[in-house]
PDB file of N, CA and C in Angstrom:
ATOM      1  N   MET A   1     -29.980 -24.691  27.634  1.00  0.00           N
ATOM      2  CA  MET A   1     -29.781 -23.263  27.526  1.00  0.00           C
ATOM      3  C   MET A   1     -28.802 -22.938  26.398  1.00  0.00           C
ATOM      4  N   SER A   2     -27.699 -23.724  26.294  1.00  0.00           N
ATOM      5  CA  SER A   2     -26.707 -23.444  25.263  1.00  0.00           C
ATOM      6  C   SER A   2     -27.258 -23.750  23.867  1.00  0.00           C
ATOM      7  N   LYS A   3     -28.168 -24.735  23.759  1.00  0.00           N
ATOM      8  CA  LYS A   3     -28.775 -25.042  22.459  1.00  0.00           C
ATOM      9  C   LYS A   3     -29.677 -23.904  22.009  1.00  0.00           C
ATOM     10  N   VAL A   4     -30.379 -23.282  22.945  1.00  0.00           N
ATOM     11  CA  VAL A   4     -31.249 -22.154  22.614  1.00  0.00           C
ATOM     12  C   VAL A   4     -30.407 -20.969  22.162  1.00  0.00           C
ATOM     13  N   LEU A   5     -29.303 -20.722  22.858  1.00  0.00           N
ATOM     14  CA  LEU A   5     -28.411 -19.625  22.503  1.00  0.00           C
ATOM     15  C   LEU A   5     -27.792 -19.868  21.129  1.00  0.00           C
ATOM     16  N   LEU A   6     -27.394 -21.099  20.857  1.00  0.00           N
ATOM     17  CA  LEU A   6     -26.837 -21.450  19.563  1.00  0.00           C
ATOM     18  C   LEU A   6     -27.876 -21.263  18.456  1.00  0.00           C
ATOM     19  N   ALA A   7     -29.093 -21.658  18.693  1.00  0.00           N
ATOM     20  CA  ALA A   7     -30.161 -21.509  17.710  1.00  0.00           C
ATOM     21  C   ALA A   7     -30.447 -20.035  17.433  1.00  0.00           C
ATOM     22  N   LEU A   8     -30.507 -19.222  18.484  1.00  0.00           N
ATOM     23  CA  LEU A   8     -30.753 -17.790  18.301  1.00  0.00           C
ATOM     24  C   LEU A   8     -29.615 -17.112  17.546  1.00  0.00           C
ATOM     25  N   THR A   9     -28.390 -17.501  17.851  1.00  0.00           N
ATOM     26  CA  THR A   9     -27.227 -16.937  17.154  1.00  0.00           C
ATOM     27  C   THR A   9     -27.261 -17.323  15.683  1.00  0.00           C
ATOM     28  N   SER A  10     -27.596 -18.569  15.401  1.00  0.00           N
ATOM     29  CA  SER A  10     -27.666 -19.030  14.014  1.00  0.00           C
ATOM     30  C   SER A  10     -28.734 -18.278  13.233  1.00  0.00           C
ATOM     31  N   VAL A  11     -29.896 -18.083  13.832  1.00  0.00           N
ATOM     32  CA  VAL A  11     -30.982 -17.358  13.173  1.00  0.00           C
ATOM     33  C   VAL A  11     -30.565 -15.912  12.918  1.00  0.00           C
ATOM     34  N   ALA A  12     -29.898 -15.294  13.870  1.00  0.00           N
ATOM     35  CA  ALA A  12     -29.458 -13.906  13.706  1.00  0.00           C
ATOM     36  C   ALA A  12     -28.438 -13.786  12.576  1.00  0.00           C
ATOM     37  N   LEU A  13     -27.490 -14.705  12.506  1.00  0.00           N
ATOM     38  CA  LEU A  13     -26.486 -14.666  11.445  1.00  0.00           C
ATOM     39  C   LEU A  13     -27.100 -14.904  10.068  1.00  0.00           C
ATOM     40  N   LEU A  14     -28.046 -15.816   9.996  1.00  0.00           N
ATOM     41  CA  LEU A  14     -28.725 -16.048   8.723  1.00  0.00           C
ATOM     42  C   LEU A  14     -29.516 -14.819   8.286  1.00  0.00           C
ATOM     43  N   GLY A  15     -30.136 -14.165   9.237  1.00  0.00           N
ATOM     44  CA  GLY A  15     -30.889 -12.952   8.918  1.00  0.00           C
ATOM     45  C   GLY A  15     -29.984 -11.841   8.416  1.00  0.00           C
ATOM     46  N   LEU A  16     -28.824 -11.694   9.042  1.00  0.00           N
ATOM     47  CA  LEU A  16     -27.887 -10.662   8.610  1.00  0.00           C
ATOM     48  C   LEU A  16     -27.267 -10.973   7.259  1.00  0.00           C
ATOM     49  N   SER A  17     -26.991 -12.230   6.993  1.00  0.00           N
ATOM     50  CA  SER A  17     -26.393 -12.585   5.711  1.00  0.00           C
ATOM     51  C   SER A  17     -27.379 -12.348   4.566  1.00  0.00           C
ATOM     52  N   GLY A  18     -28.650 -12.443   4.842  1.00  0.00           N
ATOM     53  CA  GLY A  18     -29.652 -12.157   3.817  1.00  0.00           C
ATOM     54  C   GLY A  18     -29.710 -10.687   3.460  1.00  0.00           C
ATOM     55  N   CYS A  19     -29.319  -9.814   4.372  1.00  0.00           N
ATOM     56  CA  CYS A  19     -29.327  -8.366   4.126  1.00  0.00           C
ATOM     57  C   CYS A  19     -28.039  -7.871   3.494  1.00  0.00           C
ATOM     58  N   ALA A  20     -27.034  -8.723   3.400  1.00  0.00           N
ATOM     59  CA  ALA A  20     -25.714  -8.296   2.952  1.00  0.00           C
ATOM     60  C   ALA A  20     -25.725  -7.773   1.519  1.00  0.00           C
ATOM     61  N   ASP A  21     -26.511  -8.350   0.644  1.00  0.00           N
ATOM     62  CA  ASP A  21     -26.486  -7.913  -0.750  1.00  0.00           C
ATOM     63  C   ASP A  21     -27.775  -7.195  -1.152  1.00  0.00           C
ATOM     64  N   LEU A  22     -28.401  -6.550  -0.222  1.00  0.00           N
ATOM     65  CA  LEU A  22     -29.650  -5.853  -0.493  1.00  0.00           C
ATOM     66  C   LEU A  22     -29.487  -4.742  -1.523  1.00  0.00           C
ATOM     67  N   TYR A  23     -28.359  -4.010  -1.470  1.00  0.00           N
ATOM     68  CA  TYR A  23     -28.186  -2.832  -2.316  1.00  0.00           C
ATOM     69  C   TYR A  23     -27.226  -3.058  -3.476  1.00  0.00           C
ATOM     70  N   VAL A  24     -26.942  -4.289  -3.803  1.00  0.00           N
ATOM     71  CA  VAL A  24     -25.981  -4.576  -4.853  1.00  0.00           C
ATOM     72  C   VAL A  24     -26.459  -4.089  -6.216  1.00  0.00           C
ATOM     73  N   ASN A  25     -27.684  -4.332  -6.571  1.00  0.00           N
ATOM     74  CA  ASN A  25     -28.179  -3.998  -7.902  1.00  0.00           C
ATOM     75  C   ASN A  25     -28.960  -2.691  -7.944  1.00  0.00           C
ATOM     76  N   GLN A  26     -28.744  -1.828  -7.002  1.00  0.00           N
ATOM     77  CA  GLN A  26     -29.455  -0.556  -6.970  1.00  0.00           C
ATOM     78  C   GLN A  26     -28.789   0.446  -7.908  1.00  0.00           C
ATOM     79  N   PRO A  27     -29.556   1.189  -8.704  1.00  0.00           N
ATOM     80  CA  PRO A  27     -28.957   2.209  -9.559  1.00  0.00           C
ATOM     81  C   PRO A  27     -28.556   3.419  -8.722  1.00  0.00           C
ATOM     82  N   GLY A  28     -27.771   4.287  -9.320  1.00  0.00           N
ATOM     83  CA  GLY A  28     -27.412   5.519  -8.630  1.00  0.00           C
ATOM     84  C   GLY A  28     -25.919   5.748  -8.610  1.00  0.00           C
ATOM     85  N   GLY A  29     -25.149   4.706  -8.505  1.00  0.00           N
ATOM     86  CA  GLY A  29     -23.705   4.862  -8.495  1.00  0.00           C
ATOM     87  C   GLY A  29     -23.147   4.595  -9.880  1.00  0.00           C
ATOM     88  N   LYS A  30     -21.933   5.055 -10.107  1.00  0.00           N
ATOM     89  CA  LYS A  30     -21.288   4.778 -11.389  1.00  0.00           C
ATOM     90  C   LYS A  30     -20.843   3.321 -11.415  1.00  0.00           C
ATOM     91  N   PRO A  31     -20.890   2.689 -12.543  1.00  0.00           N
ATOM     92  CA  PRO A  31     -20.376   1.331 -12.642  1.00  0.00           C
ATOM     93  C   PRO A  31     -18.873   1.327 -12.372  1.00  0.00           C
ATOM     94  N   ALA A  32     -18.393   0.248 -11.799  1.00  0.00           N
ATOM     95  CA  ALA A  32     -16.977   0.178 -11.454  1.00  0.00           C
ATOM     96  C   ALA A  32     -16.092   0.220 -12.690  1.00  0.00           C
ATOM     97  N   ALA A  33     -16.589  -0.249 -13.819  1.00  0.00           N
ATOM     98  CA  ALA A  33     -15.785  -0.273 -15.029  1.00  0.00           C
ATOM     99  C   ALA A  33     -15.638   1.107 -15.656  1.00  0.00           C
ATOM    100  N   ALA A  34     -16.540   2.025 -15.373  1.00  0.00           N
ATOM    101  CA  ALA A  34     -16.474   3.354 -15.964  1.00  0.00           C
ATOM    102  C   ALA A  34     -15.366   4.151 -15.294  1.00  0.00           C
ATOM    103  N   LYS A  35     -14.425   4.632 -16.104  1.00  0.00           N
ATOM    104  CA  LYS A  35     -13.288   5.365 -15.566  1.00  0.00           C
ATOM    105  C   LYS A  35     -13.144   6.650 -16.358  1.00  0.00           C
ATOM    106  N   ALA A  36     -12.920   7.747 -15.652  1.00  0.00           N
ATOM    107  CA  ALA A  36     -12.771   9.025 -16.322  1.00  0.00           C
ATOM    108  C   ALA A  36     -11.455   9.024 -17.102  1.00  0.00           C
ATOM    109  N   ALA A  37     -11.487   9.564 -18.292  1.00  0.00           N
ATOM    110  CA  ALA A  37     -10.312   9.583 -19.153  1.00  0.00           C
ATOM    111  C   ALA A  37      -9.486  10.836 -18.897  1.00  0.00           C
ATOM    112  N   ILE A  38      -8.165  10.670 -18.978  1.00  0.00           N
ATOM    113  CA  ILE A  38      -7.262  11.803 -18.869  1.00  0.00           C
ATOM    114  C   ILE A  38      -6.457  11.873 -20.163  1.00  0.00           C
ATOM    115  N   SER A  39      -5.789  12.975 -20.380  1.00  0.00           N
ATOM    116  CA  SER A  39      -5.034  13.156 -21.616  1.00  0.00           C
ATOM    117  C   SER A  39      -3.845  12.198 -21.662  1.00  0.00           C
ATOM    118  N   ALA A  40      -3.325  11.996 -22.859  1.00  0.00           N
ATOM    119  CA  ALA A  40      -2.184  11.090 -23.033  1.00  0.00           C
ATOM    120  C   ALA A  40      -0.953  11.633 -22.307  1.00  0.00           C
ATOM    121  N   GLU A  41      -0.796  12.954 -22.328  1.00  0.00           N
ATOM    122  CA  GLU A  41       0.337  13.579 -21.640  1.00  0.00           C
ATOM    123  C   GLU A  41       0.242  13.353 -20.123  1.00  0.00           C
ATOM    124  N   ALA A  42      -0.963  13.494 -19.588  1.00  0.00           N
ATOM    125  CA  ALA A  42      -1.167  13.281 -18.160  1.00  0.00           C
ATOM    126  C   ALA A  42      -0.942  11.814 -17.803  1.00  0.00           C
ATOM    127  N   GLN A  43      -1.388  10.904 -18.651  1.00  0.00           N
ATOM    128  CA  GLN A  43      -1.183   9.474 -18.400  1.00  0.00           C
ATOM    129  C   GLN A  43       0.303   9.132 -18.418  1.00  0.00           C
ATOM    130  N   ALA A  44       1.048   9.720 -19.359  1.00  0.00           N
ATOM    131  CA  ALA A  44       2.490   9.475 -19.432  1.00  0.00           C
ATOM    132  C   ALA A  44       3.192  10.008 -18.185  1.00  0.00           C
ATOM    133  N   ALA A  45       2.798  11.196 -17.740  1.00  0.00           N
ATOM    134  CA  ALA A  45       3.402  11.778 -16.535  1.00  0.00           C
ATOM    135  C   ALA A  45       3.078  10.933 -15.307  1.00  0.00           C
ATOM    136  N   LEU A  46       1.858  10.424 -15.234  1.00  0.00           N
ATOM    137  CA  LEU A  46       1.459   9.575 -14.111  1.00  0.00           C
ATOM    138  C   LEU A  46       2.252   8.275 -14.114  1.00  0.00           C
ATOM    139  N   ASN A  47       2.409   7.659 -15.279  1.00  0.00           N
ATOM    140  CA  ASN A  47       3.178   6.418 -15.371  1.00  0.00           C
ATOM    141  C   ASN A  47       4.634   6.644 -14.974  1.00  0.00           C
ATOM    142  N   ALA A  48       5.203   7.772 -15.404  1.00  0.00           N
ATOM    143  CA  ALA A  48       6.592   8.090 -15.050  1.00  0.00           C
ATOM    144  C   ALA A  48       6.726   8.314 -13.549  1.00  0.00           C
ATOM    145  N   ALA A  49       5.771   9.020 -12.966  1.00  0.00           N
ATOM    146  CA  ALA A  49       5.818   9.280 -11.529  1.00  0.00           C
ATOM    147  C   ALA A  49       5.693   7.982 -10.737  1.00  0.00           C
ATOM    148  N   GLN A  50       4.822   7.090 -11.189  1.00  0.00           N
ATOM    149  CA  GLN A  50       4.675   5.804 -10.503  1.00  0.00           C
ATOM    150  C   GLN A  50       5.967   4.996 -10.565  1.00  0.00           C
ATOM    151  N   ALA A  51       6.642   5.014 -11.713  1.00  0.00           N
ATOM    152  CA  ALA A  51       7.914   4.303 -11.856  1.00  0.00           C
ATOM    153  C   ALA A  51       8.987   4.945 -10.982  1.00  0.00           C
ATOM    154  N   ASP A  52       9.015   6.280 -10.950  1.00  0.00           N
ATOM    155  CA  ASP A  52       9.995   6.985 -10.112  1.00  0.00           C
ATOM    156  C   ASP A  52       9.800   6.660  -8.639  1.00  0.00           C
ATOM    157  N   VAL A  53       8.554   6.687  -8.188  1.00  0.00           N
ATOM    158  CA  VAL A  53       8.266   6.406  -6.778  1.00  0.00           C
ATOM    159  C   VAL A  53       8.629   4.964  -6.437  1.00  0.00           C
ATOM    160  N   LYS A  54       8.362   4.052  -7.335  1.00  0.00           N
ATOM    161  CA  LYS A  54       8.718   2.655  -7.104  1.00  0.00           C
ATOM    162  C   LYS A  54      10.227   2.500  -6.958  1.00  0.00           C
ATOM    163  N   ASP A  55      10.974   3.203  -7.810  1.00  0.00           N
ATOM    164  CA  ASP A  55      12.436   3.160  -7.754  1.00  0.00           C
ATOM    165  C   ASP A  55      12.949   3.751  -6.436  1.00  0.00           C
ATOM    166  N   ALA A  56      12.367   4.871  -6.026  1.00  0.00           N
ATOM    167  CA  ALA A  56      12.793   5.518  -4.783  1.00  0.00           C
ATOM    168  C   ALA A  56      12.474   4.639  -3.571  1.00  0.00           C
ATOM    169  N   LYS A  57      11.324   3.966  -3.588  1.00  0.00           N
ATOM    170  CA  LYS A  57      10.980   3.066  -2.487  1.00  0.00           C
ATOM    171  C   LYS A  57      11.991   1.934  -2.388  1.00  0.00           C
ATOM    172  N   ALA A  58      12.414   1.417  -3.532  1.00  0.00           N
ATOM    173  CA  ALA A  58      13.371   0.318  -3.550  1.00  0.00           C
ATOM    174  C   ALA A  58      14.709   0.740  -2.956  1.00  0.00           C
ATOM    175  N   LYS A  59      15.048   2.016  -3.090  1.00  0.00           N
ATOM    176  CA  LYS A  59      16.326   2.520  -2.578  1.00  0.00           C
ATOM    177  C   LYS A  59      16.183   3.211  -1.225  1.00  0.00           C
ATOM    178  N   ASN A  60      15.001   3.140  -0.619  1.00  0.00           N
ATOM    179  CA  ASN A  60      14.713   3.794   0.665  1.00  0.00           C
ATOM    180  C   ASN A  60      15.021   5.287   0.619  1.00  0.00           C
ATOM    181  N   ALA A  61      14.637   5.933  -0.478  1.00  0.00           N
ATOM    182  CA  ALA A  61      14.895   7.356  -0.633  1.00  0.00           C
ATOM    183  C   ALA A  61      13.614   8.118  -0.938  1.00  0.00           C
ATOM    184  N   LEU A  62      12.476   7.542  -0.619  1.00  0.00           N
ATOM    185  CA  LEU A  62      11.204   8.178  -0.957  1.00  0.00           C
ATOM    186  C   LEU A  62      10.831   9.222   0.082  1.00  0.00           C
ATOM    187  N   TRP A  63      10.630  10.430  -0.376  1.00  0.00           N
ATOM    188  CA  TRP A  63      10.156  11.499   0.488  1.00  0.00           C
ATOM    189  C   TRP A  63       8.648  11.358   0.634  1.00  0.00           C
ATOM    190  N   THR A  64       8.142  11.720   1.792  1.00  0.00           N
ATOM    191  CA  THR A  64       6.698  11.625   2.015  1.00  0.00           C
ATOM    192  C   THR A  64       5.933  12.583   1.116  1.00  0.00           C
ATOM    193  N   THR A  65       6.564  13.702   0.753  1.00  0.00           N
ATOM    194  CA  THR A  65       5.889  14.653  -0.139  1.00  0.00           C
ATOM    195  C   THR A  65       5.720  14.068  -1.533  1.00  0.00           C
ATOM    196  N   ALA A  66       6.672  13.262  -1.971  1.00  0.00           N
ATOM    197  CA  ALA A  66       6.562  12.615  -3.280  1.00  0.00           C
ATOM    198  C   ALA A  66       5.456  11.576  -3.263  1.00  0.00           C
ATOM    199  N   ASP A  67       5.376  10.829  -2.181  1.00  0.00           N
ATOM    200  CA  ASP A  67       4.328   9.815  -2.045  1.00  0.00           C
ATOM    201  C   ASP A  67       2.947  10.470  -2.011  1.00  0.00           C
ATOM    202  N   ALA A  68       2.827  11.571  -1.281  1.00  0.00           N
ATOM    203  CA  ALA A  68       1.546  12.277  -1.199  1.00  0.00           C
ATOM    204  C   ALA A  68       1.156  12.865  -2.553  1.00  0.00           C
ATOM    205  N   ALA A  69       2.138  13.392  -3.282  1.00  0.00           N
ATOM    206  CA  ALA A  69       1.851  13.961  -4.606  1.00  0.00           C
ATOM    207  C   ALA A  69       1.399  12.876  -5.579  1.00  0.00           C
ATOM    208  N   LEU A  70       2.006  11.701  -5.493  1.00  0.00           N
ATOM    209  CA  LEU A  70       1.591  10.596  -6.365  1.00  0.00           C
ATOM    210  C   LEU A  70       0.166  10.171  -6.048  1.00  0.00           C
ATOM    211  N   LYS A  71      -0.163  10.083  -4.772  1.00  0.00           N
ATOM    212  CA  LYS A  71      -1.528   9.710  -4.398  1.00  0.00           C
ATOM    213  C   LYS A  71      -2.528  10.751  -4.887  1.00  0.00           C
ATOM    214  N   ALA A  72      -2.166  12.023  -4.791  1.00  0.00           N
ATOM    215  CA  ALA A  72      -3.050  13.087  -5.282  1.00  0.00           C
ATOM    216  C   ALA A  72      -3.215  12.989  -6.792  1.00  0.00           C
ATOM    217  N   ALA A  73      -2.151  12.652  -7.498  1.00  0.00           N
ATOM    218  CA  ALA A  73      -2.223  12.495  -8.956  1.00  0.00           C
ATOM    219  C   ALA A  73      -3.113  11.316  -9.331  1.00  0.00           C
ATOM    220  N   GLU A  74      -3.005  10.221  -8.588  1.00  0.00           N
ATOM    221  CA  GLU A  74      -3.833   9.052  -8.877  1.00  0.00           C
ATOM    222  C   GLU A  74      -5.308   9.334  -8.600  1.00  0.00           C
ATOM    223  N   GLU A  75      -5.587  10.088  -7.540  1.00  0.00           N
ATOM    224  CA  GLU A  75      -6.974  10.465  -7.246  1.00  0.00           C
ATOM    225  C   GLU A  75      -7.526  11.383  -8.334  1.00  0.00           C
ATOM    226  N   ALA A  76      -6.706  12.314  -8.801  1.00  0.00           N
ATOM    227  CA  ALA A  76      -7.132  13.213  -9.863  1.00  0.00           C
ATOM    228  C   ALA A  76      -7.363  12.442 -11.163  1.00  0.00           C
ATOM    229  N   ALA A  77      -6.556  11.433 -11.407  1.00  0.00           N
ATOM    230  CA  ALA A  77      -6.731  10.611 -12.608  1.00  0.00           C
ATOM    231  C   ALA A  77      -8.050   9.864 -12.550  1.00  0.00           C
ATOM    232  N   ALA A  78      -8.416   9.406 -11.372  1.00  0.00           N
ATOM    233  CA  ALA A  78      -9.688   8.703 -11.220  1.00  0.00           C
ATOM    234  C   ALA A  78     -10.869   9.639 -11.494  1.00  0.00           C
ATOM    235  N   LYS A  79     -10.675  10.927 -11.217  1.00  0.00           N
ATOM    236  CA  LYS A  79     -11.728  11.914 -11.451  1.00  0.00           C
ATOM    237  C   LYS A  79     -11.684  12.494 -12.865  1.00  0.00           C
ATOM    238  N   GLY A  80     -10.595  12.213 -13.601  1.00  0.00           N
ATOM    239  CA  GLY A  80     -10.478  12.716 -14.966  1.00  0.00           C
ATOM    240  C   GLY A  80      -9.912  14.120 -15.054  1.00  0.00           C
ATOM    241  N   ASP A  81      -9.211  14.582 -14.026  1.00  0.00           N
ATOM    242  CA  ASP A  81      -8.647  15.938 -13.984  1.00  0.00           C
ATOM    243  C   ASP A  81      -7.201  15.901 -14.474  1.00  0.00           C
ATOM    244  N   SER A  82      -6.998  16.098 -15.779  1.00  0.00           N
ATOM    245  CA  SER A  82      -5.671  15.992 -16.378  1.00  0.00           C
ATOM    246  C   SER A  82      -4.702  17.049 -15.867  1.00  0.00           C
ATOM    247  N   ALA A  83      -5.176  18.270 -15.655  1.00  0.00           N
ATOM    248  CA  ALA A  83      -4.292  19.345 -15.199  1.00  0.00           C
ATOM    249  C   ALA A  83      -3.695  19.028 -13.830  1.00  0.00           C
ATOM    250  N   THR A  84      -4.517  18.537 -12.922  1.00  0.00           N
ATOM    251  CA  THR A  84      -4.026  18.194 -11.589  1.00  0.00           C
ATOM    252  C   THR A  84      -3.105  16.977 -11.647  1.00  0.00           C
ATOM    253  N   VAL A  85      -3.417  16.032 -12.515  1.00  0.00           N
ATOM    254  CA  VAL A  85      -2.556  14.861 -12.677  1.00  0.00           C
ATOM    255  C   VAL A  85      -1.171  15.306 -13.122  1.00  0.00           C
ATOM    256  N   LEU A  86      -1.114  16.182 -14.117  1.00  0.00           N
ATOM    257  CA  LEU A  86       0.179  16.677 -14.605  1.00  0.00           C
ATOM    258  C   LEU A  86       0.950  17.378 -13.492  1.00  0.00           C
ATOM    259  N   LYS A  87       0.287  18.268 -12.797  1.00  0.00           N
ATOM    260  CA  LYS A  87       0.942  19.047 -11.746  1.00  0.00           C
ATOM    261  C   LYS A  87       1.478  18.141 -10.636  1.00  0.00           C
ATOM    262  N   GLN A  88       0.644  17.241 -10.132  1.00  0.00           N
ATOM    263  CA  GLN A  88       1.041  16.391  -9.015  1.00  0.00           C
ATOM    264  C   GLN A  88       2.054  15.325  -9.434  1.00  0.00           C
ATOM    265  N   ALA A  89       1.920  14.791 -10.639  1.00  0.00           N
ATOM    266  CA  ALA A  89       2.867  13.781 -11.107  1.00  0.00           C
ATOM    267  C   ALA A  89       4.251  14.397 -11.303  1.00  0.00           C
ATOM    268  N   LYS A  90       4.306  15.606 -11.842  1.00  0.00           N
ATOM    269  CA  LYS A  90       5.597  16.281 -12.008  1.00  0.00           C
ATOM    270  C   LYS A  90       6.208  16.617 -10.654  1.00  0.00           C
ATOM    271  N   LEU A  91       5.381  17.013  -9.700  1.00  0.00           N
ATOM    272  CA  LEU A  91       5.871  17.299  -8.354  1.00  0.00           C
ATOM    273  C   LEU A  91       6.428  16.029  -7.712  1.00  0.00           C
ATOM    274  N   ALA A  92       5.730  14.922  -7.882  1.00  0.00           N
ATOM    275  CA  ALA A  92       6.202  13.650  -7.325  1.00  0.00           C
ATOM    276  C   ALA A  92       7.536  13.252  -7.945  1.00  0.00           C
ATOM    277  N   SER A  93       7.652  13.353  -9.259  1.00  0.00           N
ATOM    278  CA  SER A  93       8.902  12.994  -9.933  1.00  0.00           C
ATOM    279  C   SER A  93      10.045  13.897  -9.497  1.00  0.00           C
ATOM    280  N   ASP A  94       9.757  15.192  -9.349  1.00  0.00           N
ATOM    281  CA  ASP A  94      10.772  16.145  -8.918  1.00  0.00           C
ATOM    282  C   ASP A  94      11.273  15.807  -7.509  1.00  0.00           C
ATOM    283  N   HIS A  95      10.361  15.508  -6.609  1.00  0.00           N
ATOM    284  CA  HIS A  95      10.758  15.181  -5.238  1.00  0.00           C
ATOM    285  C   HIS A  95      11.486  13.844  -5.168  1.00  0.00           C
ATOM    286  N   VAL A  96      11.134  12.917  -6.032  1.00  0.00           N
ATOM    287  CA  VAL A  96      11.845  11.638  -6.083  1.00  0.00           C
ATOM    288  C   VAL A  96      13.280  11.870  -6.525  1.00  0.00           C
ATOM    289  N   LYS A  97      13.470  12.703  -7.560  1.00  0.00           N
ATOM    290  CA  LYS A  97      14.827  12.981  -8.048  1.00  0.00           C
ATOM    291  C   LYS A  97      15.661  13.644  -6.959  1.00  0.00           C
ATOM    292  N   LYS A  98      15.070  14.538  -6.210  1.00  0.00           N
ATOM    293  CA  LYS A  98      15.798  15.199  -5.118  1.00  0.00           C
ATOM    294  C   LYS A  98      16.110  14.209  -3.997  1.00  0.00           C
ATOM    295  N   GLY A  99      15.190  13.317  -3.712  1.00  0.00           N
ATOM    296  CA  GLY A  99      15.436  12.303  -2.695  1.00  0.00           C
ATOM    297  C   GLY A  99      16.546  11.348  -3.089  1.00  0.00           C
ATOM    298  N   LEU A 100      16.577  10.971  -4.370  1.00  0.00           N
ATOM    299  CA  LEU A 100      17.644  10.095  -4.854  1.00  0.00           C
ATOM    300  C   LEU A 100      18.981  10.818  -4.859  1.00  0.00           C
ATOM    301  N   ALA A 101      18.963  12.103  -5.189  1.00  0.00           N
ATOM    302  CA  ALA A 101      20.197  12.892  -5.160  1.00  0.00           C
ATOM    303  C   ALA A 101      20.717  13.020  -3.737  1.00  0.00           C
ATOM    304  N   GLN A 102      19.829  13.035  -2.783  1.00  0.00           N
ATOM    305  CA  GLN A 102      20.223  13.165  -1.388  1.00  0.00           C
ATOM    306  C   GLN A 102      21.040  11.961  -0.918  1.00  0.00           C
ATOM    307  N   LEU A 103      20.867  10.828  -1.580  1.00  0.00           N
ATOM    308  CA  LEU A 103      21.657   9.652  -1.227  1.00  0.00           C
ATOM    309  C   LEU A 103      23.147   9.871  -1.468  1.00  0.00           C
ATOM    310  N   ASN A 104      23.491  10.776  -2.369  1.00  0.00           N
ATOM    311  CA  ASN A 104      24.889  11.034  -2.712  1.00  0.00           C
ATOM    312  C   ASN A 104      25.534  12.070  -1.802  1.00  0.00           C
ATOM    313  N   TYR A 105      24.788  12.662  -0.918  1.00  0.00           N
ATOM    314  CA  TYR A 105      25.342  13.657   0.001  1.00  0.00           C
ATOM    315  C   TYR A 105      26.319  12.955   0.943  1.00  0.00           C
ATOM    316  N   PRO A 106      27.368  13.665   1.358  1.00  0.00           N
ATOM    317  CA  PRO A 106      28.298  13.051   2.302  1.00  0.00           C
ATOM    318  C   PRO A 106      27.656  12.848   3.669  1.00  0.00           C
ATOM    319  N   VAL A 107      28.100  11.829   4.354  1.00  0.00           N
ATOM    320  CA  VAL A 107      27.580  11.533   5.673  1.00  0.00           C
ATOM    321  C   VAL A 107      28.216  12.498   6.669  1.00  0.00           C
ATOM    322  N   LEU A 108      27.393  13.119   7.474  1.00  0.00           N
ATOM    323  CA  LEU A 108      27.893  14.047   8.477  1.00  0.00           C
ATOM    324  C   LEU A 108      28.143  13.320   9.786  1.00  0.00           C
ATOM    325  N   LYS A 109      29.267  13.592  10.370  1.00  0.00           N
ATOM    326  CA  LYS A 109      29.570  13.015  11.674  1.00  0.00           C
ATOM    327  C   LYS A 109      29.336  14.074  12.727  1.00  0.00           C
ATOM    328  N   VAL A 110      28.627  13.709  13.751  1.00  0.00           N
ATOM    329  CA  VAL A 110      28.395  14.610  14.850  1.00  0.00           C
ATOM    330  C   VAL A 110      29.320  14.171  15.978  1.00  0.00           C
ATOM    331  N   GLY A 111      30.092  15.074  16.433  1.00  0.00           N
ATOM    332  CA  GLY A 111      31.042  14.737  17.493  1.00  0.00           C
ATOM    333  C   GLY A 111      32.442  14.644  16.921  1.00  0.00           C
ATOM    334  N   ASP A 112      33.318  13.942  17.614  1.00  0.00           N
ATOM    335  CA  ASP A 112      34.731  13.789  17.238  1.00  0.00           C
ATOM    336  C   ASP A 112      35.501  15.031  17.502  1.00  0.00           C
TER     337      ASP A 112
END
């Protein structure tokens, strides 16, 4: 009984593995290498925002709004939307600077 079950399982797995690459060479999607271009100014702002966010993460001062803005800028860059990249990258950098500045605030004591 166990040999029959093993044989059936093996046949099923072989059948499924044959279907795994059925749609690999189908036309219709964009090639992975094709990337929408953004302006040089937008690319510079995106690179600066990525560096700022990396710095803030290292110092544990990253605001979630800065992280979300960076992700939105990266998605816009993938779509080739330079205006949105500029807007979101500048927002991310601005929030990172505010988060880093917040590290210098005095510590508040509650109680005493």
